[in-house]
Amino acid sequence: MILCKSGSGFADYSFMSAVVNLGKYDNSDFDRGAPRWKRGLWVVVRCVFFQNPCPWGSAFRSALLRYFGAKIGKGLSIGSNVNVSFPWRLVVGDHVWIGDDVGILSLAQVTIESNVCVARRSFLCTGSHDIWRDDFKLKVAPILIRTGSWIAIGSLILAGVTIGEGAVVSAGSVVLKDVPPNCLVRGNPATVVYEIFRGPESAKPSVPVSRVRDKSLSPP
Protein backbone atom coordinates (compact mmCIF):
# COMPACT_ATOMS: atom_id res chain seq x y z
CA MET A 1 0.00 0.00 0.00
CA ILE A 2 1.16 3.55 -0.74
CA LEU A 3 0.16 6.37 1.59
CA CYS A 4 0.94 9.97 0.63
CA LYS A 5 0.34 12.88 2.93
CA SER A 6 -1.89 15.62 1.56
CA GLY A 7 -3.34 18.77 3.05
CA SER A 8 -6.26 16.85 4.53
CA GLY A 9 -4.31 13.85 5.74
CA PHE A 10 -3.04 10.66 4.12
CA ALA A 11 -4.36 9.65 0.72
CA ASP A 12 -4.68 5.95 -0.04
CA TYR A 13 -2.97 4.84 -3.25
CA SER A 14 -3.30 1.13 -2.52
CA PHE A 15 -4.27 0.52 -6.14
CA MET A 16 -0.68 1.36 -7.11
CA SER A 17 2.44 -0.79 -6.85
CA ALA A 18 4.63 0.04 -3.87
CA VAL A 19 7.81 0.05 -5.97
CA VAL A 20 8.97 0.90 -9.44
CA ASN A 21 9.20 -2.10 -11.75
CA LEU A 22 11.79 -1.24 -14.39
CA GLY A 23 11.03 -4.48 -16.17
CA LYS A 24 7.80 -2.82 -17.30
CA TYR A 25 9.53 0.29 -18.65
CA ASP A 26 8.63 0.95 -22.29
CA ASN A 27 9.47 4.10 -24.20
CA SER A 28 8.65 2.70 -27.63
CA ASP A 29 6.07 5.46 -28.13
CA PHE A 30 8.70 8.19 -27.69
CA ASP A 31 9.40 10.09 -30.90
CA ARG A 32 13.15 10.68 -31.24
CA GLY A 33 12.61 13.05 -34.13
CA ALA A 34 15.05 11.46 -36.58
CA PRO A 35 15.61 8.09 -38.29
CA ARG A 36 17.95 5.55 -36.74
CA TRP A 37 20.75 6.12 -39.27
CA LYS A 38 20.81 9.85 -38.49
CA ARG A 39 20.85 9.25 -34.75
CA GLY A 40 23.69 6.74 -35.16
CA LEU A 41 25.71 9.12 -37.32
CA TRP A 42 25.22 11.88 -34.78
CA VAL A 43 26.60 9.65 -32.00
CA VAL A 44 29.80 9.20 -34.02
CA VAL A 45 30.11 12.92 -34.83
CA ARG A 46 29.38 13.88 -31.22
CA CYS A 47 32.08 11.56 -29.88
CA VAL A 48 34.70 12.73 -32.38
CA PHE A 49 34.04 16.48 -32.53
CA PHE A 50 32.17 17.42 -29.34
CA GLN A 51 32.74 15.07 -26.40
CA ASN A 52 36.51 15.31 -26.26
CA PRO A 53 39.13 17.91 -25.23
CA CYS A 54 40.33 18.61 -28.78
CA PRO A 55 40.11 22.33 -29.63
CA TRP A 56 37.77 22.10 -32.61
CA GLY A 57 36.64 25.60 -33.49
CA SER A 58 33.21 26.90 -32.53
CA ALA A 59 32.40 27.80 -36.14
CA PHE A 60 33.11 24.22 -37.22
CA ARG A 61 31.03 22.76 -34.39
CA SER A 62 28.21 25.19 -35.20
CA ALA A 63 28.24 24.00 -38.81
CA LEU A 64 27.98 20.38 -37.66
CA LEU A 65 25.04 21.20 -35.41
CA ARG A 66 23.29 22.96 -38.29
CA TYR A 67 23.93 19.98 -40.57
CA PHE A 68 22.08 17.78 -38.08
CA GLY A 69 19.11 20.12 -37.88
CA ALA A 70 19.92 22.59 -35.10
CA LYS A 71 19.04 26.24 -35.63
CA ILE A 72 22.18 28.15 -34.67
CA GLY A 73 22.63 31.93 -34.77
CA LYS A 74 25.86 33.81 -35.32
CA GLY A 75 28.73 33.99 -32.87
CA LEU A 76 28.13 30.78 -30.91
CA SER A 77 31.04 29.88 -28.62
CA ILE A 78 30.95 26.23 -27.65
CA GLY A 79 33.46 24.56 -25.33
CA SER A 80 34.89 21.05 -25.17
CA ASN A 81 33.06 17.92 -24.01
CA VAL A 82 29.61 19.37 -24.72
CA ASN A 83 26.92 16.67 -24.95
CA VAL A 84 23.87 17.47 -27.10
CA SER A 85 21.48 14.51 -27.29
CA PHE A 86 19.36 15.48 -30.31
CA PRO A 87 20.64 18.57 -32.18
CA TRP A 88 17.49 18.68 -34.32
CA ARG A 89 15.69 19.79 -31.15
CA LEU A 90 18.10 22.63 -30.34
CA VAL A 91 17.59 26.32 -31.16
CA VAL A 92 20.35 28.81 -30.28
CA GLY A 93 20.31 32.58 -30.85
CA ASP A 94 23.17 34.99 -31.54
CA HIS A 95 26.29 35.40 -29.39
CA VAL A 96 25.61 32.51 -27.04
CA TRP A 97 28.32 30.95 -24.84
CA ILE A 98 28.13 27.25 -23.99
CA GLY A 99 30.93 26.24 -21.65
CA ASP A 100 32.97 23.08 -21.22
CA ASP A 101 31.17 19.92 -20.02
CA VAL A 102 27.67 21.30 -20.56
CA GLY A 103 24.97 18.67 -21.08
CA ILE A 104 21.85 19.35 -23.17
CA LEU A 105 19.38 16.47 -22.94
CA SER A 106 17.14 17.59 -25.78
CA LEU A 107 14.44 14.92 -25.68
CA ALA A 108 12.12 17.93 -26.15
CA GLN A 109 13.08 21.25 -27.69
CA VAL A 110 15.71 23.37 -25.96
CA THR A 111 15.68 27.04 -26.96
CA ILE A 112 18.54 29.33 -25.91
CA GLU A 113 17.92 32.89 -27.02
CA SER A 114 20.59 35.47 -27.85
CA ASN A 115 23.30 36.73 -25.47
CA VAL A 116 22.95 33.83 -23.04
CA CYS A 117 25.83 32.28 -21.10
CA VAL A 118 25.47 28.63 -20.09
CA ALA A 119 28.52 28.06 -17.92
CA ARG A 120 30.57 24.89 -17.69
CA ARG A 121 29.16 21.70 -16.15
CA SER A 122 25.59 22.99 -16.32
CA PHE A 123 22.88 20.55 -17.41
CA LEU A 124 19.68 21.32 -19.32
CA CYS A 125 17.40 18.30 -18.81
CA THR A 126 14.12 18.03 -20.73
CA GLY A 127 13.37 14.50 -19.50
CA SER A 128 11.96 13.00 -16.32
CA HIS A 129 9.82 10.08 -15.18
CA ASP A 130 6.33 9.72 -13.72
CA ILE A 131 6.79 8.81 -10.06
CA TRP A 132 3.12 7.80 -9.76
CA ARG A 133 3.50 4.97 -12.27
CA ASP A 134 5.24 1.70 -11.49
CA ASP A 135 6.45 1.47 -15.12
CA PHE A 136 8.57 4.66 -14.65
CA LYS A 137 6.93 6.31 -17.68
CA LEU A 138 9.11 8.83 -19.51
CA LYS A 139 7.96 12.46 -19.42
CA VAL A 140 9.47 15.26 -21.50
CA ALA A 141 8.93 19.02 -21.65
CA PRO A 142 10.80 21.87 -23.40
CA ILE A 143 13.24 24.32 -21.84
CA LEU A 144 13.37 28.00 -22.80
CA ILE A 145 16.20 30.32 -21.75
CA ARG A 146 15.38 33.92 -22.57
CA THR A 147 17.67 36.65 -23.88
CA GLY A 148 20.49 37.92 -21.70
CA SER A 149 20.34 35.21 -19.05
CA TRP A 150 23.28 33.61 -17.26
CA ILE A 151 23.22 29.99 -16.14
CA ALA A 152 26.21 29.87 -13.78
CA ILE A 153 28.58 26.94 -13.30
CA GLY A 154 27.15 23.56 -12.36
CA SER A 155 23.46 24.50 -12.49
CA LEU A 156 20.63 22.10 -13.31
CA ILE A 157 17.62 23.31 -15.33
CA LEU A 158 14.78 20.80 -15.34
CA ALA A 159 12.06 19.97 -17.86
CA GLY A 160 9.38 22.56 -18.56
CA VAL A 161 11.32 25.51 -17.11
CA THR A 162 11.53 28.98 -18.64
CA ILE A 163 14.38 31.23 -17.50
CA GLY A 164 13.20 34.83 -17.77
CA GLU A 165 14.99 37.53 -19.73
CA GLY A 166 18.06 38.88 -17.95
CA ALA A 167 17.84 36.36 -15.11
CA VAL A 168 20.84 34.86 -13.32
CA VAL A 169 20.91 31.30 -11.98
CA SER A 170 23.58 31.14 -9.28
CA ALA A 171 26.25 28.43 -9.35
CA GLY A 172 25.07 24.95 -8.42
CA SER A 173 21.37 25.80 -8.35
CA VAL A 174 18.57 23.36 -9.17
CA VAL A 175 15.75 25.10 -11.03
CA LEU A 176 12.38 23.33 -10.83
CA LYS A 177 10.07 26.20 -11.76
CA ASP A 178 10.06 29.22 -14.06
CA VAL A 179 12.45 32.04 -13.13
CA PRO A 180 11.09 35.62 -13.38
CA PRO A 181 12.91 38.12 -15.60
CA ASN A 182 15.79 40.12 -14.12
CA CYS A 183 16.06 38.10 -10.91
CA LEU A 184 18.92 36.17 -9.33
CA VAL A 185 17.97 32.73 -8.02
CA ARG A 186 20.01 30.40 -5.85
CA GLY A 187 19.82 27.04 -4.11
CA ASN A 188 18.09 23.67 -4.28
CA PRO A 189 15.31 24.23 -5.04
CA ALA A 190 16.16 27.62 -6.52
CA THR A 191 14.56 30.63 -4.85
CA VAL A 192 14.59 34.30 -5.76
CA VAL A 193 17.31 36.15 -3.84
CA TYR A 194 16.90 39.61 -5.34
CA GLU A 195 15.82 41.54 -8.39
CA ILE A 196 18.42 42.96 -10.76
CA PHE A 197 18.29 46.53 -12.03
CA ARG A 198 20.92 47.06 -14.70
CA GLY A 199 22.14 50.59 -15.32
CA PRO A 200 24.59 52.19 -17.74
CA GLU A 201 28.01 50.59 -18.09
CA SER A 202 29.55 53.52 -16.22
CA ALA A 203 27.32 53.04 -13.18
CA LYS A 204 28.92 51.85 -9.94
CA PRO A 205 27.97 49.17 -9.17
CA SER A 206 27.28 48.17 -12.76
CA VAL A 207 24.45 45.90 -11.65
CA PRO A 208 22.71 47.60 -8.71
CA VAL A 209 20.24 45.38 -6.90
CA SER A 210 17.33 45.85 -4.56
CA ARG A 211 17.03 43.02 -2.06
CA VAL A 212 13.65 41.49 -1.43
CA ARG A 213 12.63 38.71 0.92
CA ASP A 214 13.46 35.27 -0.45
CA LYS A 215 10.50 33.63 -2.12
CA SER A 216 10.18 30.15 -3.53
CA LEU A 217 9.69 29.63 -7.24
CA SER A 218 7.12 26.98 -6.40
CA PRO A 219 3.48 28.03 -6.83
CA PRO A 220 1.54 28.81 -3.63
C-alpha atoms as a PDB file:
ATOM      1  CA  MET A   1       0.000   0.000   0.000  1.00  0.00           C
ATOM      2  CA  ILE A   2       1.164   3.554  -0.744  1.00  0.00           C
ATOM      3  CA  LEU A   3       0.157   6.369   1.591  1.00  0.00           C
ATOM      4  CA  CYS A   4       0.936   9.969   0.632  1.00  0.00           C
ATOM      5  CA  LYS A   5       0.341  12.880   2.928  1.00  0.00           C
ATOM      6  CA  SER A   6      -1.889  15.622   1.559  1.00  0.00           C
ATOM      7  CA  GLY A   7      -3.343  18.768   3.047  1.00  0.00           C
ATOM      8  CA  SER A   8      -6.260  16.849   4.530  1.00  0.00           C
ATOM      9  CA  GLY A   9      -4.315  13.845   5.743  1.00  0.00           C
ATOM     10  CA  PHE A  10      -3.044  10.661   4.124  1.00  0.00           C
ATOM     11  CA  ALA A  11      -4.356   9.654   0.721  1.00  0.00           C
ATOM     12  CA  ASP A  12      -4.680   5.947  -0.044  1.00  0.00           C
ATOM     13  CA  TYR A  13      -2.974   4.838  -3.250  1.00  0.00           C
ATOM     14  CA  SER A  14      -3.298   1.131  -2.523  1.00  0.00           C
ATOM     15  CA  PHE A  15      -4.267   0.516  -6.145  1.00  0.00           C
ATOM     16  CA  MET A  16      -0.678   1.357  -7.109  1.00  0.00           C
ATOM     17  CA  SER A  17       2.435  -0.793  -6.852  1.00  0.00           C
ATOM     18  CA  ALA A  18       4.632   0.042  -3.874  1.00  0.00           C
ATOM     19  CA  VAL A  19       7.812   0.053  -5.968  1.00  0.00           C
ATOM     20  CA  VAL A  20       8.971   0.902  -9.443  1.00  0.00           C
ATOM     21  CA  ASN A  21       9.199  -2.096 -11.753  1.00  0.00           C
ATOM     22  CA  LEU A  22      11.794  -1.238 -14.394  1.00  0.00           C
ATOM     23  CA  GLY A  23      11.032  -4.485 -16.172  1.00  0.00           C
ATOM     24  CA  LYS A  24       7.799  -2.819 -17.297  1.00  0.00           C
ATOM     25  CA  TYR A  25       9.525   0.286 -18.649  1.00  0.00           C
ATOM     26  CA  ASP A  26       8.628   0.947 -22.288  1.00  0.00           C
ATOM     27  CA  ASN A  27       9.465   4.105 -24.205  1.00  0.00           C
ATOM     28  CA  SER A  28       8.653   2.695 -27.630  1.00  0.00           C
ATOM     29  CA  ASP A  29       6.074   5.457 -28.131  1.00  0.00           C
ATOM     30  CA  PHE A  30       8.702   8.188 -27.685  1.00  0.00           C
ATOM     31  CA  ASP A  31       9.401  10.093 -30.896  1.00  0.00           C
ATOM     32  CA  ARG A  32      13.153  10.683 -31.241  1.00  0.00           C
ATOM     33  CA  GLY A  33      12.611  13.048 -34.130  1.00  0.00           C
ATOM     34  CA  ALA A  34      15.050  11.459 -36.575  1.00  0.00           C
ATOM     35  CA  PRO A  35      15.607   8.093 -38.288  1.00  0.00           C
ATOM     36  CA  ARG A  36      17.945   5.553 -36.743  1.00  0.00           C
ATOM     37  CA  TRP A  37      20.751   6.123 -39.266  1.00  0.00           C
ATOM     38  CA  LYS A  38      20.806   9.847 -38.489  1.00  0.00           C
ATOM     39  CA  ARG A  39      20.852   9.250 -34.747  1.00  0.00           C
ATOM     40  CA  GLY A  40      23.692   6.739 -35.156  1.00  0.00           C
ATOM     41  CA  LEU A  41      25.713   9.118 -37.324  1.00  0.00           C
ATOM     42  CA  TRP A  42      25.222  11.884 -34.779  1.00  0.00           C
ATOM     43  CA  VAL A  43      26.596   9.652 -31.996  1.00  0.00           C
ATOM     44  CA  VAL A  44      29.798   9.203 -34.021  1.00  0.00           C
ATOM     45  CA  VAL A  45      30.108  12.924 -34.828  1.00  0.00           C
ATOM     46  CA  ARG A  46      29.375  13.876 -31.224  1.00  0.00           C
ATOM     47  CA  CYS A  47      32.076  11.563 -29.883  1.00  0.00           C
ATOM     48  CA  VAL A  48      34.697  12.733 -32.378  1.00  0.00           C
ATOM     49  CA  PHE A  49      34.042  16.477 -32.527  1.00  0.00           C
ATOM     50  CA  PHE A  50      32.165  17.421 -29.338  1.00  0.00           C
ATOM     51  CA  GLN A  51      32.744  15.074 -26.396  1.00  0.00           C
ATOM     52  CA  ASN A  52      36.506  15.310 -26.256  1.00  0.00           C
ATOM     53  CA  PRO A  53      39.128  17.914 -25.233  1.00  0.00           C
ATOM     54  CA  CYS A  54      40.325  18.614 -28.782  1.00  0.00           C
ATOM     55  CA  PRO A  55      40.115  22.332 -29.634  1.00  0.00           C
ATOM     56  CA  TRP A  56      37.766  22.100 -32.609  1.00  0.00           C
ATOM     57  CA  GLY A  57      36.636  25.599 -33.490  1.00  0.00           C
ATOM     58  CA  SER A  58      33.208  26.897 -32.525  1.00  0.00           C
ATOM     59  CA  ALA A  59      32.404  27.801 -36.137  1.00  0.00           C
ATOM     60  CA  PHE A  60      33.108  24.224 -37.221  1.00  0.00           C
ATOM     61  CA  ARG A  61      31.030  22.759 -34.393  1.00  0.00           C
ATOM     62  CA  SER A  62      28.213  25.193 -35.197  1.00  0.00           C
ATOM     63  CA  ALA A  63      28.245  24.003 -38.809  1.00  0.00           C
ATOM     64  CA  LEU A  64      27.981  20.380 -37.660  1.00  0.00           C
ATOM     65  CA  LEU A  65      25.037  21.201 -35.412  1.00  0.00           C
ATOM     66  CA  ARG A  66      23.286  22.964 -38.294  1.00  0.00           C
ATOM     67  CA  TYR A  67      23.925  19.983 -40.567  1.00  0.00           C
ATOM     68  CA  PHE A  68      22.082  17.777 -38.077  1.00  0.00           C
ATOM     69  CA  GLY A  69      19.111  20.116 -37.883  1.00  0.00           C
ATOM     70  CA  ALA A  70      19.917  22.585 -35.098  1.00  0.00           C
ATOM     71  CA  LYS A  71      19.039  26.238 -35.632  1.00  0.00           C
ATOM     72  CA  ILE A  72      22.178  28.155 -34.671  1.00  0.00           C
ATOM     73  CA  GLY A  73      22.628  31.933 -34.772  1.00  0.00           C
ATOM     74  CA  LYS A  74      25.858  33.806 -35.323  1.00  0.00           C
ATOM     75  CA  GLY A  75      28.735  33.988 -32.868  1.00  0.00           C
ATOM     76  CA  LEU A  76      28.134  30.778 -30.911  1.00  0.00           C
ATOM     77  CA  SER A  77      31.040  29.885 -28.618  1.00  0.00           C
ATOM     78  CA  ILE A  78      30.952  26.225 -27.648  1.00  0.00           C
ATOM     79  CA  GLY A  79      33.461  24.565 -25.326  1.00  0.00           C
ATOM     80  CA  SER A  80      34.885  21.055 -25.169  1.00  0.00           C
ATOM     81  CA  ASN A  81      33.058  17.915 -24.012  1.00  0.00           C
ATOM     82  CA  VAL A  82      29.607  19.373 -24.717  1.00  0.00           C
ATOM     83  CA  ASN A  83      26.921  16.673 -24.955  1.00  0.00           C
ATOM     84  CA  VAL A  84      23.874  17.470 -27.103  1.00  0.00           C
ATOM     85  CA  SER A  85      21.483  14.514 -27.295  1.00  0.00           C
ATOM     86  CA  PHE A  86      19.357  15.479 -30.308  1.00  0.00           C
ATOM     87  CA  PRO A  87      20.644  18.573 -32.182  1.00  0.00           C
ATOM     88  CA  TRP A  88      17.488  18.680 -34.323  1.00  0.00           C
ATOM     89  CA  ARG A  89      15.694  19.792 -31.148  1.00  0.00           C
ATOM     90  CA  LEU A  90      18.096  22.627 -30.345  1.00  0.00           C
ATOM     91  CA  VAL A  91      17.587  26.320 -31.156  1.00  0.00           C
ATOM     92  CA  VAL A  92      20.354  28.806 -30.279  1.00  0.00           C
ATOM     93  CA  GLY A  93      20.311  32.577 -30.848  1.00  0.00           C
ATOM     94  CA  ASP A  94      23.168  34.988 -31.537  1.00  0.00           C
ATOM     95  CA  HIS A  95      26.291  35.401 -29.388  1.00  0.00           C
ATOM     96  CA  VAL A  96      25.614  32.507 -27.037  1.00  0.00           C
ATOM     97  CA  TRP A  97      28.321  30.955 -24.842  1.00  0.00           C
ATOM     98  CA  ILE A  98      28.125  27.246 -23.995  1.00  0.00           C
ATOM     99  CA  GLY A  99      30.926  26.241 -21.647  1.00  0.00           C
ATOM    100  CA  ASP A 100      32.969  23.076 -21.216  1.00  0.00           C
ATOM    101  CA  ASP A 101      31.171  19.920 -20.015  1.00  0.00           C
ATOM    102  CA  VAL A 102      27.668  21.304 -20.561  1.00  0.00           C
ATOM    103  CA  GLY A 103      24.968  18.674 -21.078  1.00  0.00           C
ATOM    104  CA  ILE A 104      21.852  19.349 -23.165  1.00  0.00           C
ATOM    105  CA  LEU A 105      19.385  16.472 -22.937  1.00  0.00           C
ATOM    106  CA  SER A 106      17.142  17.594 -25.781  1.00  0.00           C
ATOM    107  CA  LEU A 107      14.440  14.924 -25.682  1.00  0.00           C
ATOM    108  CA  ALA A 108      12.124  17.927 -26.146  1.00  0.00           C
ATOM    109  CA  GLN A 109      13.081  21.248 -27.690  1.00  0.00           C
ATOM    110  CA  VAL A 110      15.712  23.371 -25.963  1.00  0.00           C
ATOM    111  CA  THR A 111      15.680  27.042 -26.963  1.00  0.00           C
ATOM    112  CA  ILE A 112      18.536  29.327 -25.909  1.00  0.00           C
ATOM    113  CA  GLU A 113      17.915  32.888 -27.018  1.00  0.00           C
ATOM    114  CA  SER A 114      20.587  35.473 -27.848  1.00  0.00           C
ATOM    115  CA  ASN A 115      23.295  36.731 -25.471  1.00  0.00           C
ATOM    116  CA  VAL A 116      22.951  33.832 -23.044  1.00  0.00           C
ATOM    117  CA  CYS A 117      25.828  32.284 -21.103  1.00  0.00           C
ATOM    118  CA  VAL A 118      25.470  28.629 -20.094  1.00  0.00           C
ATOM    119  CA  ALA A 119      28.519  28.058 -17.918  1.00  0.00           C
ATOM    120  CA  ARG A 120      30.574  24.887 -17.692  1.00  0.00           C
ATOM    121  CA  ARG A 121      29.161  21.702 -16.151  1.00  0.00           C
ATOM    122  CA  SER A 122      25.587  22.987 -16.325  1.00  0.00           C
ATOM    123  CA  PHE A 123      22.881  20.551 -17.414  1.00  0.00           C
ATOM    124  CA  LEU A 124      19.680  21.320 -19.315  1.00  0.00           C
ATOM    125  CA  CYS A 125      17.402  18.303 -18.812  1.00  0.00           C
ATOM    126  CA  THR A 126      14.120  18.027 -20.731  1.00  0.00           C
ATOM    127  CA  GLY A 127      13.375  14.503 -19.503  1.00  0.00           C
ATOM    128  CA  SER A 128      11.963  13.003 -16.322  1.00  0.00           C
ATOM    129  CA  HIS A 129       9.818  10.080 -15.185  1.00  0.00           C
ATOM    130  CA  ASP A 130       6.328   9.721 -13.724  1.00  0.00           C
ATOM    131  CA  ILE A 131       6.793   8.812 -10.063  1.00  0.00           C
ATOM    132  CA  TRP A 132       3.122   7.803  -9.760  1.00  0.00           C
ATOM    133  CA  ARG A 133       3.502   4.969 -12.267  1.00  0.00           C
ATOM    134  CA  ASP A 134       5.242   1.699 -11.491  1.00  0.00           C
ATOM    135  CA  ASP A 135       6.451   1.470 -15.119  1.00  0.00           C
ATOM    136  CA  PHE A 136       8.567   4.658 -14.645  1.00  0.00           C
ATOM    137  CA  LYS A 137       6.935   6.306 -17.675  1.00  0.00           C
ATOM    138  CA  LEU A 138       9.111   8.832 -19.513  1.00  0.00           C
ATOM    139  CA  LYS A 139       7.965  12.460 -19.417  1.00  0.00           C
ATOM    140  CA  VAL A 140       9.469  15.264 -21.505  1.00  0.00           C
ATOM    141  CA  ALA A 141       8.926  19.023 -21.655  1.00  0.00           C
ATOM    142  CA  PRO A 142      10.801  21.866 -23.401  1.00  0.00           C
ATOM    143  CA  ILE A 143      13.243  24.321 -21.839  1.00  0.00           C
ATOM    144  CA  LEU A 144      13.367  27.998 -22.799  1.00  0.00           C
ATOM    145  CA  ILE A 145      16.201  30.324 -21.749  1.00  0.00           C
ATOM    146  CA  ARG A 146      15.382  33.922 -22.568  1.00  0.00           C
ATOM    147  CA  THR A 147      17.669  36.652 -23.882  1.00  0.00           C
ATOM    148  CA  GLY A 148      20.495  37.918 -21.699  1.00  0.00           C
ATOM    149  CA  SER A 149      20.341  35.207 -19.049  1.00  0.00           C
ATOM    150  CA  TRP A 150      23.283  33.615 -17.261  1.00  0.00           C
ATOM    151  CA  ILE A 151      23.222  29.989 -16.144  1.00  0.00           C
ATOM    152  CA  ALA A 152      26.205  29.866 -13.778  1.00  0.00           C
ATOM    153  CA  ILE A 153      28.578  26.942 -13.295  1.00  0.00           C
ATOM    154  CA  GLY A 154      27.148  23.561 -12.358  1.00  0.00           C
ATOM    155  CA  SER A 155      23.462  24.502 -12.488  1.00  0.00           C
ATOM    156  CA  LEU A 156      20.626  22.104 -13.307  1.00  0.00           C
ATOM    157  CA  ILE A 157      17.625  23.314 -15.333  1.00  0.00           C
ATOM    158  CA  LEU A 158      14.784  20.800 -15.343  1.00  0.00           C
ATOM    159  CA  ALA A 159      12.064  19.973 -17.855  1.00  0.00           C
ATOM    160  CA  GLY A 160       9.382  22.558 -18.562  1.00  0.00           C
ATOM    161  CA  VAL A 161      11.322  25.506 -17.110  1.00  0.00           C
ATOM    162  CA  THR A 162      11.527  28.980 -18.637  1.00  0.00           C
ATOM    163  CA  ILE A 163      14.381  31.233 -17.504  1.00  0.00           C
ATOM    164  CA  GLY A 164      13.196  34.830 -17.771  1.00  0.00           C
ATOM    165  CA  GLU A 165      14.990  37.530 -19.731  1.00  0.00           C
ATOM    166  CA  GLY A 166      18.058  38.882 -17.949  1.00  0.00           C
ATOM    167  CA  ALA A 167      17.840  36.358 -15.109  1.00  0.00           C
ATOM    168  CA  VAL A 168      20.845  34.861 -13.317  1.00  0.00           C
ATOM    169  CA  VAL A 169      20.914  31.299 -11.984  1.00  0.00           C
ATOM    170  CA  SER A 170      23.585  31.142  -9.282  1.00  0.00           C
ATOM    171  CA  ALA A 171      26.250  28.429  -9.352  1.00  0.00           C
ATOM    172  CA  GLY A 172      25.067  24.946  -8.416  1.00  0.00           C
ATOM    173  CA  SER A 173      21.369  25.798  -8.350  1.00  0.00           C
ATOM    174  CA  VAL A 174      18.573  23.358  -9.168  1.00  0.00           C
ATOM    175  CA  VAL A 175      15.751  25.098 -11.028  1.00  0.00           C
ATOM    176  CA  LEU A 176      12.382  23.327 -10.826  1.00  0.00           C
ATOM    177  CA  LYS A 177      10.070  26.201 -11.759  1.00  0.00           C
ATOM    178  CA  ASP A 178      10.063  29.218 -14.063  1.00  0.00           C
ATOM    179  CA  VAL A 179      12.446  32.036 -13.135  1.00  0.00           C
ATOM    180  CA  PRO A 180      11.090  35.615 -13.381  1.00  0.00           C
ATOM    181  CA  PRO A 181      12.906  38.124 -15.605  1.00  0.00           C
ATOM    182  CA  ASN A 182      15.795  40.121 -14.117  1.00  0.00           C
ATOM    183  CA  CYS A 183      16.063  38.097 -10.913  1.00  0.00           C
ATOM    184  CA  LEU A 184      18.918  36.171  -9.326  1.00  0.00           C
ATOM    185  CA  VAL A 185      17.968  32.735  -8.022  1.00  0.00           C
ATOM    186  CA  ARG A 186      20.014  30.405  -5.847  1.00  0.00           C
ATOM    187  CA  GLY A 187      19.818  27.045  -4.109  1.00  0.00           C
ATOM    188  CA  ASN A 188      18.087  23.672  -4.279  1.00  0.00           C
ATOM    189  CA  PRO A 189      15.315  24.231  -5.042  1.00  0.00           C
ATOM    190  CA  ALA A 190      16.163  27.616  -6.521  1.00  0.00           C
ATOM    191  CA  THR A 191      14.557  30.632  -4.848  1.00  0.00           C
ATOM    192  CA  VAL A 192      14.594  34.304  -5.760  1.00  0.00           C
ATOM    193  CA  VAL A 193      17.311  36.152  -3.841  1.00  0.00           C
ATOM    194  CA  TYR A 194      16.905  39.607  -5.342  1.00  0.00           C
ATOM    195  CA  GLU A 195      15.821  41.544  -8.386  1.00  0.00           C
ATOM    196  CA  ILE A 196      18.419  42.962 -10.755  1.00  0.00           C
ATOM    197  CA  PHE A 197      18.288  46.532 -12.033  1.00  0.00           C
ATOM    198  CA  ARG A 198      20.920  47.056 -14.699  1.00  0.00           C
ATOM    199  CA  GLY A 199      22.142  50.589 -15.317  1.00  0.00           C
ATOM    200  CA  PRO A 200      24.591  52.186 -17.741  1.00  0.00           C
ATOM    201  CA  GLU A 201      28.011  50.594 -18.086  1.00  0.00           C
ATOM    202  CA  SER A 202      29.545  53.517 -16.218  1.00  0.00           C
ATOM    203  CA  ALA A 203      27.316  53.037 -13.184  1.00  0.00           C
ATOM    204  CA  LYS A 204      28.919  51.855  -9.944  1.00  0.00           C
ATOM    205  CA  PRO A 205      27.973  49.169  -9.169  1.00  0.00           C
ATOM    206  CA  SER A 206      27.277  48.173 -12.757  1.00  0.00           C
ATOM    207  CA  VAL A 207      24.449  45.897 -11.647  1.00  0.00           C
ATOM    208  CA  PRO A 208      22.714  47.598  -8.709  1.00  0.00           C
ATOM    209  CA  VAL A 209      20.242  45.381  -6.895  1.00  0.00           C
ATOM    210  CA  SER A 210      17.329  45.847  -4.564  1.00  0.00           C
ATOM    211  CA  ARG A 211      17.034  43.024  -2.061  1.00  0.00           C
ATOM    212  CA  VAL A 212      13.647  41.492  -1.431  1.00  0.00           C
ATOM    213  CA  ARG A 213      12.630  38.714   0.918  1.00  0.00           C
ATOM    214  CA  ASP A 214      13.461  35.270  -0.450  1.00  0.00           C
ATOM    215  CA  LYS A 215      10.501  33.631  -2.121  1.00  0.00           C
ATOM    216  CA  SER A 216      10.184  30.151  -3.531  1.00  0.00           C
ATOM    217  CA  LEU A 217       9.689  29.632  -7.243  1.00  0.00           C
ATOM    218  CA  SER A 218       7.118  26.978  -6.397  1.00  0.00           C
ATOM    219  CA  PRO A 219       3.482  28.034  -6.833  1.00  0.00           C
ATOM    220  CA  PRO A 220       1.540  28.807  -3.635  1.00  0.00           C
END
